Amino acid sequence: MEFDKVIETRRSIRNYDKTKTVNKETLEKLIYAAIQAPSWKNSQTARYYCVSSKEMTEKFRNKCLPEFNAKRCEGVSAFIVTSFVKNISGFNTETGEKTNELGNGWGIYDLGLHNENLLLKAADLGIATLVMGIRNTEKIREMLNISENECIVSVIAVGYSEKRTVKPKRKQVEDIAKFF
């Protein structure tokens, strides 16, 4: 798909087709696209945890997401939990001190860049996604055995859309940009 078309057609989907599944190879393609994104001094601290078996997906959905998010992703094929290794991006590697006031904010920023690549690749492949920030971090950490050294940022539902969605209105360039 042409890049501009991918950007314009990507949506957050809340209705998934229960009859279609996303396989491991496709999840690997999404993560490969993610790791092509830049990161602070090429630190590459993004981490991805894929929940894709039917049994684990249902268990994860019901135990790790609040009811409203669990409902929004009924029938989803997989979840990708995104995290980053703390205290690397935005930190001096020799002293361990923050390089600026953002500190671990750079890890979140880098992960956001990676996640956007993942979302765009999914759209390019005709796969629907929903990024969720409201989740039970401790249950996720326990279920997926994620180290305390990582900051869990989001859960991405991955599947196929049950129905076509309408693009919400977007602001115009002149609404958000200043040129000097």
N, C-alpha and C. Protein backbone atom coordinates (compact mmCIF):
# COMPACT_ATOMS: atom_id res chain seq x y z
N MET A 1 0.86 -1.18 0.00
CA MET A 1 0.00 0.00 0.00
C MET A 1 0.90 1.24 0.00
N GLU A 2 0.49 2.28 -0.67
CA GLU A 2 1.23 3.54 -0.69
C GLU A 2 1.26 4.13 0.72
N PHE A 3 2.42 4.71 1.11
CA PHE A 3 2.62 5.18 2.47
C PHE A 3 1.55 6.17 2.93
N ASP A 4 1.23 7.18 2.12
CA ASP A 4 0.20 8.15 2.51
C ASP A 4 -1.14 7.47 2.75
N LYS A 5 -1.46 6.46 1.95
CA LYS A 5 -2.71 5.73 2.11
C LYS A 5 -2.72 4.96 3.43
N VAL A 6 -1.58 4.37 3.79
CA VAL A 6 -1.46 3.64 5.06
C VAL A 6 -1.74 4.60 6.22
N ILE A 7 -1.12 5.76 6.19
CA ILE A 7 -1.30 6.74 7.27
C ILE A 7 -2.77 7.18 7.36
N GLU A 8 -3.37 7.42 6.22
CA GLU A 8 -4.75 7.92 6.20
C GLU A 8 -5.79 6.85 6.55
N THR A 9 -5.48 5.58 6.35
CA THR A 9 -6.48 4.54 6.59
C THR A 9 -6.34 3.85 7.94
N ARG A 10 -5.24 4.04 8.65
CA ARG A 10 -5.05 3.40 9.95
C ARG A 10 -6.09 3.89 10.94
N ARG A 11 -6.70 2.99 11.68
CA ARG A 11 -7.73 3.32 12.66
C ARG A 11 -7.52 2.55 13.95
N SER A 12 -8.09 3.03 15.03
CA SER A 12 -8.19 2.28 16.28
C SER A 12 -9.50 1.50 16.20
N ILE A 13 -9.39 0.18 16.22
CA ILE A 13 -10.55 -0.69 15.99
C ILE A 13 -11.04 -1.28 17.30
N ARG A 14 -12.35 -1.33 17.46
CA ARG A 14 -12.95 -1.85 18.68
C ARG A 14 -13.96 -2.98 18.41
N ASN A 15 -13.95 -3.51 17.18
CA ASN A 15 -14.81 -4.64 16.81
C ASN A 15 -13.99 -5.60 15.96
N TYR A 16 -13.74 -6.79 16.51
CA TYR A 16 -12.86 -7.75 15.84
C TYR A 16 -13.61 -8.95 15.32
N ASP A 17 -13.15 -9.47 14.18
CA ASP A 17 -13.71 -10.65 13.54
C ASP A 17 -13.14 -11.88 14.24
N LYS A 18 -14.00 -12.60 14.94
CA LYS A 18 -13.60 -13.78 15.72
C LYS A 18 -13.17 -14.96 14.85
N THR A 19 -13.51 -14.92 13.56
CA THR A 19 -13.21 -16.05 12.67
C THR A 19 -11.83 -15.96 12.03
N LYS A 20 -11.15 -14.84 12.19
CA LYS A 20 -9.83 -14.66 11.56
C LYS A 20 -8.76 -14.51 12.63
N THR A 21 -7.60 -15.09 12.37
CA THR A 21 -6.50 -14.99 13.33
C THR A 21 -5.24 -14.44 12.67
N VAL A 22 -4.42 -13.83 13.49
CA VAL A 22 -3.11 -13.32 13.07
C VAL A 22 -2.08 -14.35 13.53
N ASN A 23 -1.25 -14.83 12.61
CA ASN A 23 -0.28 -15.86 12.97
C ASN A 23 1.04 -15.27 13.48
N LYS A 24 1.90 -16.14 13.98
CA LYS A 24 3.18 -15.74 14.56
C LYS A 24 4.04 -14.99 13.54
N GLU A 25 4.06 -15.46 12.31
CA GLU A 25 4.89 -14.82 11.28
C GLU A 25 4.45 -13.37 11.05
N THR A 26 3.16 -13.12 11.10
CA THR A 26 2.66 -11.77 10.93
C THR A 26 3.04 -10.90 12.12
N LEU A 27 2.92 -11.44 13.33
CA LEU A 27 3.36 -10.70 14.52
C LEU A 27 4.84 -10.36 14.42
N GLU A 28 5.63 -11.29 13.92
CA GLU A 28 7.07 -11.04 13.73
C GLU A 28 7.31 -9.91 12.73
N LYS A 29 6.51 -9.84 11.68
CA LYS A 29 6.62 -8.75 10.70
C LYS A 29 6.33 -7.40 11.37
N LEU A 30 5.32 -7.37 12.24
CA LEU A 30 4.97 -6.13 12.93
C LEU A 30 6.12 -5.68 13.83
N ILE A 31 6.69 -6.62 14.56
CA ILE A 31 7.79 -6.28 15.47
C ILE A 31 9.05 -5.91 14.67
N TYR A 32 9.28 -6.56 13.56
CA TYR A 32 10.42 -6.19 12.70
C TYR A 32 10.29 -4.74 12.24
N ALA A 33 9.07 -4.36 11.85
CA ALA A 33 8.84 -2.96 11.45
C ALA A 33 9.10 -2.02 12.62
N ALA A 34 8.68 -2.44 13.82
CA ALA A 34 8.87 -1.60 15.01
C ALA A 34 10.35 -1.35 15.27
N ILE A 35 11.17 -2.36 15.17
CA ILE A 35 12.59 -2.20 15.52
C ILE A 35 13.38 -1.40 14.49
N GLN A 36 12.75 -1.03 13.40
CA GLN A 36 13.42 -0.17 12.42
C GLN A 36 13.40 1.30 12.84
N ALA A 37 12.61 1.63 13.84
CA ALA A 37 12.48 3.02 14.32
C ALA A 37 13.76 3.45 15.03
N PRO A 38 14.00 4.76 15.06
CA PRO A 38 15.17 5.27 15.79
C PRO A 38 14.98 5.17 17.30
N SER A 39 16.09 5.21 18.01
CA SER A 39 16.04 5.26 19.47
C SER A 39 17.25 6.06 19.97
N TRP A 40 17.14 6.54 21.21
CA TRP A 40 18.19 7.34 21.86
C TRP A 40 19.53 6.62 21.74
N LYS A 41 20.48 7.23 21.04
CA LYS A 41 21.83 6.68 20.86
C LYS A 41 21.80 5.21 20.45
N ASN A 42 20.79 4.85 19.65
CA ASN A 42 20.58 3.49 19.17
C ASN A 42 20.51 2.48 20.31
N SER A 43 19.92 2.90 21.42
CA SER A 43 19.86 2.04 22.62
C SER A 43 18.90 0.86 22.48
N GLN A 44 17.90 0.98 21.63
CA GLN A 44 16.99 -0.12 21.32
C GLN A 44 16.43 -0.81 22.57
N THR A 45 15.79 -0.02 23.42
CA THR A 45 15.28 -0.55 24.69
C THR A 45 13.85 -1.08 24.62
N ALA A 46 13.19 -0.97 23.47
CA ALA A 46 11.81 -1.47 23.33
C ALA A 46 11.78 -2.98 23.47
N ARG A 47 10.73 -3.47 24.12
CA ARG A 47 10.52 -4.91 24.29
C ARG A 47 9.06 -5.22 23.98
N TYR A 48 8.81 -6.40 23.40
CA TYR A 48 7.47 -6.81 22.99
C TYR A 48 7.15 -8.20 23.51
N TYR A 49 5.99 -8.34 24.11
CA TYR A 49 5.52 -9.61 24.63
C TYR A 49 4.23 -9.95 23.90
N CYS A 50 4.25 -11.04 23.14
CA CYS A 50 3.11 -11.41 22.30
C CYS A 50 2.29 -12.52 22.95
N VAL A 51 1.02 -12.24 23.13
CA VAL A 51 0.07 -13.21 23.67
C VAL A 51 -0.81 -13.60 22.49
N SER A 52 -0.67 -14.85 22.01
CA SER A 52 -1.39 -15.17 20.78
C SER A 52 -2.15 -16.49 20.79
N SER A 53 -1.93 -17.35 21.75
CA SER A 53 -2.74 -18.58 21.78
C SER A 53 -4.14 -18.17 22.22
N LYS A 54 -5.12 -18.91 21.74
CA LYS A 54 -6.52 -18.58 22.06
C LYS A 54 -6.75 -18.58 23.58
N GLU A 55 -6.21 -19.59 24.24
CA GLU A 55 -6.39 -19.71 25.69
C GLU A 55 -5.73 -18.54 26.44
N MET A 56 -4.49 -18.23 26.09
CA MET A 56 -3.78 -17.12 26.77
C MET A 56 -4.39 -15.77 26.44
N THR A 57 -4.86 -15.60 25.21
CA THR A 57 -5.47 -14.33 24.82
C THR A 57 -6.71 -14.06 25.66
N GLU A 58 -7.55 -15.06 25.83
CA GLU A 58 -8.77 -14.88 26.64
C GLU A 58 -8.42 -14.64 28.11
N LYS A 59 -7.47 -15.41 28.62
CA LYS A 59 -7.04 -15.24 30.01
C LYS A 59 -6.49 -13.83 30.22
N PHE A 60 -5.64 -13.38 29.30
CA PHE A 60 -5.05 -12.05 29.38
C PHE A 60 -6.14 -10.98 29.33
N ARG A 61 -7.04 -11.10 28.37
CA ARG A 61 -8.11 -10.11 28.18
C ARG A 61 -8.95 -9.97 29.45
N ASN A 62 -9.27 -11.08 30.08
CA ASN A 62 -10.15 -11.06 31.25
C ASN A 62 -9.44 -10.72 32.56
N LYS A 63 -8.16 -10.99 32.66
CA LYS A 63 -7.45 -10.76 33.93
C LYS A 63 -6.60 -9.50 33.95
N CYS A 64 -6.17 -9.03 32.78
CA CYS A 64 -5.22 -7.92 32.73
C CYS A 64 -5.80 -6.60 32.23
N LEU A 65 -7.01 -6.64 31.71
CA LEU A 65 -7.64 -5.42 31.19
C LEU A 65 -8.89 -5.10 31.99
N PRO A 66 -9.17 -3.80 32.19
CA PRO A 66 -10.44 -3.45 32.83
C PRO A 66 -11.59 -3.86 31.91
N GLU A 67 -12.76 -4.00 32.48
CA GLU A 67 -13.92 -4.51 31.75
C GLU A 67 -14.18 -3.76 30.43
N PHE A 68 -14.09 -2.41 30.45
CA PHE A 68 -14.41 -1.67 29.21
C PHE A 68 -13.40 -1.95 28.11
N ASN A 69 -12.12 -2.12 28.44
CA ASN A 69 -11.13 -2.45 27.41
C ASN A 69 -11.26 -3.92 26.99
N ALA A 70 -11.54 -4.80 27.92
CA ALA A 70 -11.74 -6.21 27.59
C ALA A 70 -12.89 -6.36 26.59
N LYS A 71 -13.95 -5.59 26.80
CA LYS A 71 -15.11 -5.65 25.90
C LYS A 71 -14.75 -5.12 24.50
N ARG A 72 -13.93 -4.08 24.45
CA ARG A 72 -13.54 -3.47 23.16
C ARG A 72 -12.70 -4.40 22.29
N CYS A 73 -12.12 -5.41 22.89
CA CYS A 73 -11.26 -6.28 22.08
C CYS A 73 -11.70 -7.75 22.14
N GLU A 74 -13.00 -7.97 22.27
CA GLU A 74 -13.53 -9.34 22.15
C GLU A 74 -13.22 -9.85 20.75
N GLY A 75 -12.80 -11.09 20.67
CA GLY A 75 -12.53 -11.69 19.36
C GLY A 75 -11.17 -11.36 18.79
N VAL A 76 -10.36 -10.61 19.52
CA VAL A 76 -9.04 -10.24 19.03
C VAL A 76 -8.14 -11.48 18.92
N SER A 77 -7.22 -11.49 17.97
CA SER A 77 -6.32 -12.63 17.75
C SER A 77 -5.16 -12.66 18.73
N ALA A 78 -4.64 -11.49 19.06
CA ALA A 78 -3.43 -11.41 19.88
C ALA A 78 -3.35 -10.09 20.60
N PHE A 79 -2.52 -10.07 21.61
CA PHE A 79 -2.16 -8.84 22.30
C PHE A 79 -0.65 -8.72 22.25
N ILE A 80 -0.18 -7.50 22.05
CA ILE A 80 1.24 -7.22 22.15
C ILE A 80 1.42 -6.23 23.28
N VAL A 81 2.13 -6.66 24.31
CA VAL A 81 2.44 -5.78 25.43
C VAL A 81 3.76 -5.11 25.11
N THR A 82 3.78 -3.78 25.22
CA THR A 82 5.00 -3.03 24.89
C THR A 82 5.61 -2.44 26.15
N SER A 83 6.93 -2.55 26.23
CA SER A 83 7.65 -2.01 27.38
C SER A 83 9.01 -1.51 26.91
N PHE A 84 9.72 -0.88 27.83
CA PHE A 84 11.10 -0.50 27.54
C PHE A 84 11.95 -0.73 28.78
N VAL A 85 13.23 -0.96 28.55
CA VAL A 85 14.17 -1.14 29.66
C VAL A 85 14.46 0.23 30.25
N LYS A 86 14.27 0.36 31.55
CA LYS A 86 14.41 1.65 32.24
C LYS A 86 15.88 2.09 32.35
N ASN A 87 16.03 3.41 32.52
CA ASN A 87 17.31 4.04 32.89
C ASN A 87 18.43 3.85 31.86
N ILE A 88 18.06 3.77 30.58
CA ILE A 88 19.06 3.71 29.51
C ILE A 88 18.86 4.89 28.56
N SER A 89 17.70 4.93 27.87
CA SER A 89 17.40 6.08 27.00
C SER A 89 17.21 7.31 27.87
N GLY A 90 17.95 8.36 27.55
CA GLY A 90 17.85 9.59 28.34
C GLY A 90 18.82 9.62 29.51
N PHE A 91 19.70 8.64 29.59
CA PHE A 91 20.65 8.56 30.69
C PHE A 91 22.08 8.47 30.17
N ASN A 92 23.01 8.99 30.95
CA ASN A 92 24.43 8.88 30.66
C ASN A 92 24.85 7.44 30.96
N THR A 93 25.41 6.76 29.97
CA THR A 93 25.74 5.35 30.14
C THR A 93 26.90 5.13 31.12
N GLU A 94 27.72 6.14 31.31
CA GLU A 94 28.85 5.98 32.23
C GLU A 94 28.48 6.29 33.68
N THR A 95 27.69 7.35 33.88
CA THR A 95 27.35 7.77 35.26
C THR A 95 25.98 7.27 35.72
N GLY A 96 25.11 6.91 34.78
CA GLY A 96 23.76 6.49 35.13
C GLY A 96 22.83 7.65 35.45
N GLU A 97 23.30 8.89 35.29
CA GLU A 97 22.49 10.07 35.58
C GLU A 97 21.66 10.47 34.37
N LYS A 98 20.51 11.09 34.67
CA LYS A 98 19.65 11.61 33.59
C LYS A 98 20.43 12.63 32.78
N THR A 99 20.24 12.60 31.46
CA THR A 99 20.91 13.55 30.58
C THR A 99 20.16 14.88 30.51
N ASN A 100 18.84 14.83 30.70
CA ASN A 100 18.02 16.04 30.77
C ASN A 100 16.82 15.77 31.67
N GLU A 101 15.90 16.72 31.74
CA GLU A 101 14.78 16.60 32.66
C GLU A 101 13.80 15.48 32.33
N LEU A 102 13.88 14.90 31.16
CA LEU A 102 12.93 13.86 30.78
C LEU A 102 13.27 12.48 31.32
N GLY A 103 14.52 12.20 31.53
CA GLY A 103 14.90 10.89 32.05
C GLY A 103 14.26 9.76 31.28
N ASN A 104 13.49 8.90 31.96
CA ASN A 104 12.85 7.76 31.31
C ASN A 104 11.77 8.18 30.30
N GLY A 105 11.45 9.46 30.26
CA GLY A 105 10.54 9.95 29.23
C GLY A 105 11.08 9.63 27.84
N TRP A 106 12.41 9.57 27.70
CA TRP A 106 12.98 9.21 26.41
C TRP A 106 12.70 7.76 26.06
N GLY A 107 12.67 6.88 27.05
CA GLY A 107 12.31 5.49 26.79
C GLY A 107 10.89 5.37 26.28
N ILE A 108 10.00 6.16 26.87
CA ILE A 108 8.60 6.18 26.42
C ILE A 108 8.52 6.75 25.01
N TYR A 109 9.27 7.83 24.77
CA TYR A 109 9.28 8.45 23.44
C TYR A 109 9.77 7.45 22.39
N ASP A 110 10.91 6.80 22.68
CA ASP A 110 11.45 5.82 21.74
C ASP A 110 10.44 4.71 21.47
N LEU A 111 9.81 4.21 22.53
CA LEU A 111 8.83 3.13 22.38
C LEU A 111 7.65 3.61 21.52
N GLY A 112 7.25 4.86 21.69
CA GLY A 112 6.18 5.41 20.86
C GLY A 112 6.54 5.41 19.38
N LEU A 113 7.80 5.75 19.09
CA LEU A 113 8.25 5.70 17.69
C LEU A 113 8.18 4.27 17.16
N HIS A 114 8.64 3.33 17.96
CA HIS A 114 8.60 1.93 17.56
C HIS A 114 7.16 1.45 17.36
N ASN A 115 6.30 1.81 18.32
CA ASN A 115 4.91 1.37 18.23
C ASN A 115 4.21 1.94 17.01
N GLU A 116 4.50 3.17 16.65
CA GLU A 116 3.88 3.75 15.46
C GLU A 116 4.27 2.96 14.21
N ASN A 117 5.53 2.57 14.12
CA ASN A 117 5.93 1.72 12.98
C ASN A 117 5.12 0.43 12.97
N LEU A 118 4.94 -0.18 14.14
CA LEU A 118 4.18 -1.41 14.25
C LEU A 118 2.74 -1.19 13.78
N LEU A 119 2.12 -0.11 14.23
CA LEU A 119 0.74 0.18 13.85
C LEU A 119 0.59 0.43 12.35
N LEU A 120 1.55 1.14 11.79
CA LEU A 120 1.49 1.42 10.35
C LEU A 120 1.70 0.15 9.52
N LYS A 121 2.61 -0.71 9.97
CA LYS A 121 2.82 -1.98 9.27
C LYS A 121 1.55 -2.83 9.35
N ALA A 122 0.91 -2.84 10.51
CA ALA A 122 -0.35 -3.58 10.65
C ALA A 122 -1.38 -3.06 9.65
N ALA A 123 -1.53 -1.75 9.57
CA ALA A 123 -2.49 -1.16 8.62
C ALA A 123 -2.13 -1.56 7.19
N ASP A 124 -0.84 -1.55 6.88
CA ASP A 124 -0.37 -1.92 5.55
C ASP A 124 -0.76 -3.36 5.21
N LEU A 125 -0.78 -4.23 6.23
CA LEU A 125 -1.11 -5.64 6.03
C LEU A 125 -2.61 -5.93 6.18
N GLY A 126 -3.40 -4.87 6.42
CA GLY A 126 -4.84 -5.05 6.58
C GLY A 126 -5.24 -5.56 7.95
N ILE A 127 -4.36 -5.37 8.93
CA ILE A 127 -4.61 -5.84 10.29
C ILE A 127 -5.07 -4.67 11.15
N ALA A 128 -6.05 -4.94 11.99
CA ALA A 128 -6.63 -3.92 12.87
C ALA A 128 -5.91 -3.92 14.22
N THR A 129 -5.80 -2.73 14.82
CA THR A 129 -5.14 -2.60 16.12
C THR A 129 -5.89 -1.62 17.01
N LEU A 130 -5.65 -1.76 18.30
CA LEU A 130 -6.15 -0.81 19.29
C LEU A 130 -5.09 -0.71 20.38
N VAL A 131 -4.57 0.50 20.60
CA VAL A 131 -3.58 0.73 21.65
C VAL A 131 -4.31 1.10 22.93
N MET A 132 -3.97 0.40 24.00
CA MET A 132 -4.63 0.64 25.29
C MET A 132 -3.59 0.96 26.35
N GLY A 133 -3.81 2.05 27.05
CA GLY A 133 -2.92 2.44 28.13
C GLY A 133 -3.50 2.14 29.49
N ILE A 134 -4.77 1.83 29.54
CA ILE A 134 -5.42 1.51 30.81
C ILE A 134 -5.46 -0.02 30.91
N ARG A 135 -4.64 -0.54 31.83
CA ARG A 135 -4.46 -1.97 31.98
C ARG A 135 -3.94 -2.23 33.38
N ASN A 136 -3.89 -3.49 33.81
CA ASN A 136 -3.40 -3.84 35.13
C ASN A 136 -1.93 -4.26 35.00
N THR A 137 -1.05 -3.31 35.25
CA THR A 137 0.39 -3.54 35.06
C THR A 137 0.91 -4.71 35.89
N GLU A 138 0.51 -4.79 37.13
CA GLU A 138 1.04 -5.86 37.99
C GLU A 138 0.59 -7.24 37.53
N LYS A 139 -0.67 -7.37 37.11
CA LYS A 139 -1.14 -8.66 36.60
C LYS A 139 -0.43 -9.03 35.30
N ILE A 140 -0.20 -8.02 34.45
CA ILE A 140 0.53 -8.27 33.20
C ILE A 140 1.95 -8.71 33.52
N ARG A 141 2.61 -7.98 34.41
CA ARG A 141 3.99 -8.30 34.78
C ARG A 141 4.08 -9.74 35.30
N GLU A 142 3.13 -10.11 36.14
CA GLU A 142 3.12 -11.45 36.73
C GLU A 142 2.82 -12.52 35.67
N MET A 143 1.78 -12.30 34.87
CA MET A 143 1.38 -13.30 33.87
C MET A 143 2.46 -13.55 32.83
N LEU A 144 3.14 -12.47 32.40
CA LEU A 144 4.13 -12.60 31.32
C LEU A 144 5.57 -12.62 31.83
N ASN A 145 5.73 -12.61 33.14
CA ASN A 145 7.05 -12.65 33.75
C ASN A 145 7.95 -11.52 33.24
N ILE A 146 7.46 -10.29 33.31
CA ILE A 146 8.19 -9.12 32.85
C ILE A 146 8.97 -8.54 34.03
N SER A 147 10.23 -8.29 33.81
CA SER A 147 11.13 -7.80 34.84
C SER A 147 10.71 -6.42 35.36
N GLU A 148 11.01 -6.17 36.63
CA GLU A 148 10.79 -4.84 37.23
C GLU A 148 11.69 -3.79 36.58
N ASN A 149 12.70 -4.23 35.86
CA ASN A 149 13.63 -3.34 35.17
C ASN A 149 13.00 -2.74 33.90
N GLU A 150 11.80 -3.20 33.56
CA GLU A 150 11.10 -2.70 32.38
C GLU A 150 9.86 -1.92 32.80
N CYS A 151 9.57 -0.88 32.05
CA CYS A 151 8.37 -0.08 32.25
C CYS A 151 7.34 -0.53 31.21
N ILE A 152 6.22 -1.09 31.67
CA ILE A 152 5.15 -1.50 30.77
C ILE A 152 4.37 -0.25 30.39
N VAL A 153 4.24 -0.02 29.09
CA VAL A 153 3.61 1.22 28.61
C VAL A 153 2.22 0.97 28.02
N SER A 154 2.10 -0.01 27.15
CA SER A 154 0.80 -0.19 26.50
C SER A 154 0.54 -1.64 26.14
N VAL A 155 -0.72 -1.89 25.81
CA VAL A 155 -1.17 -3.17 25.28
C VAL A 155 -1.79 -2.87 23.93
N ILE A 156 -1.36 -3.59 22.91
CA ILE A 156 -1.92 -3.40 21.56
C ILE A 156 -2.72 -4.64 21.19
N ALA A 157 -4.02 -4.45 20.98
CA ALA A 157 -4.87 -5.53 20.47
C ALA A 157 -4.60 -5.66 18.98
N VAL A 158 -4.50 -6.91 18.50
CA VAL A 158 -4.18 -7.17 17.09
C VAL A 158 -5.16 -8.20 16.55
N GLY A 159 -5.79 -7.88 15.44
CA GLY A 159 -6.73 -8.81 14.82
C GLY A 159 -7.23 -8.27 13.50
N TYR A 160 -8.39 -8.71 13.10
CA TYR A 160 -9.00 -8.24 11.86
C TYR A 160 -10.32 -7.55 12.21
N SER A 161 -10.55 -6.43 11.57
CA SER A 161 -11.74 -5.65 11.84
C SER A 161 -13.00 -6.38 11.39
N GLU A 162 -14.02 -6.30 12.22
CA GLU A 162 -15.30 -6.91 11.90
C GLU A 162 -16.09 -6.06 10.91
N LYS A 163 -15.88 -4.75 10.99
CA LYS A 163 -16.59 -3.85 10.08
C LYS A 163 -15.72 -2.64 9.76
N ARG A 164 -16.05 -2.00 8.69
CA ARG A 164 -15.32 -0.80 8.24
C ARG A 164 -15.67 0.37 9.16
N THR A 165 -14.67 1.16 9.51
CA THR A 165 -14.89 2.32 10.39
C THR A 165 -14.71 3.62 9.62
N VAL A 166 -15.33 4.65 10.14
CA VAL A 166 -15.24 5.98 9.53
C VAL A 166 -14.10 6.74 10.19
N LYS A 167 -13.34 7.44 9.40
CA LYS A 167 -12.22 8.21 9.92
C LYS A 167 -12.73 9.42 10.70
N PRO A 168 -12.28 9.57 11.95
CA PRO A 168 -12.67 10.76 12.71
C PRO A 168 -12.04 12.01 12.10
N LYS A 169 -12.67 13.14 12.30
CA LYS A 169 -12.16 14.41 11.77
C LYS A 169 -10.80 14.71 12.40
N ARG A 170 -9.88 15.16 11.59
CA ARG A 170 -8.55 15.53 12.04
C ARG A 170 -8.38 17.04 11.94
N LYS A 171 -7.56 17.58 12.81
CA LYS A 171 -7.23 19.01 12.72
C LYS A 171 -6.40 19.25 11.47
N GLN A 172 -6.37 20.48 11.04
CA GLN A 172 -5.59 20.88 9.88
C GLN A 172 -4.22 21.36 10.33
N VAL A 173 -3.26 21.39 9.42
CA VAL A 173 -1.91 21.83 9.74
C VAL A 173 -1.93 23.21 10.39
N GLU A 174 -2.72 24.12 9.84
CA GLU A 174 -2.76 25.49 10.37
C GLU A 174 -3.34 25.56 11.79
N ASP A 175 -4.05 24.52 12.21
CA ASP A 175 -4.61 24.48 13.56
C ASP A 175 -3.56 24.12 14.62
N ILE A 176 -2.49 23.44 14.22
CA ILE A 176 -1.55 22.94 15.21
C ILE A 176 -0.09 23.36 15.01
N ALA A 177 0.21 24.01 13.91
CA ALA A 177 1.61 24.33 13.61
C ALA A 177 1.83 25.84 13.51
N LYS A 178 3.01 26.27 13.95
CA LYS A 178 3.44 27.66 13.79
C LYS A 178 4.73 27.65 12.99
N PHE A 179 4.80 28.52 12.02
CA PHE A 179 5.99 28.60 11.17
C PHE A 179 6.67 29.93 11.40
N PHE A 180 7.96 29.94 11.60
CA PHE A 180 8.72 31.18 11.87
C PHE A 180 9.75 31.42 10.80
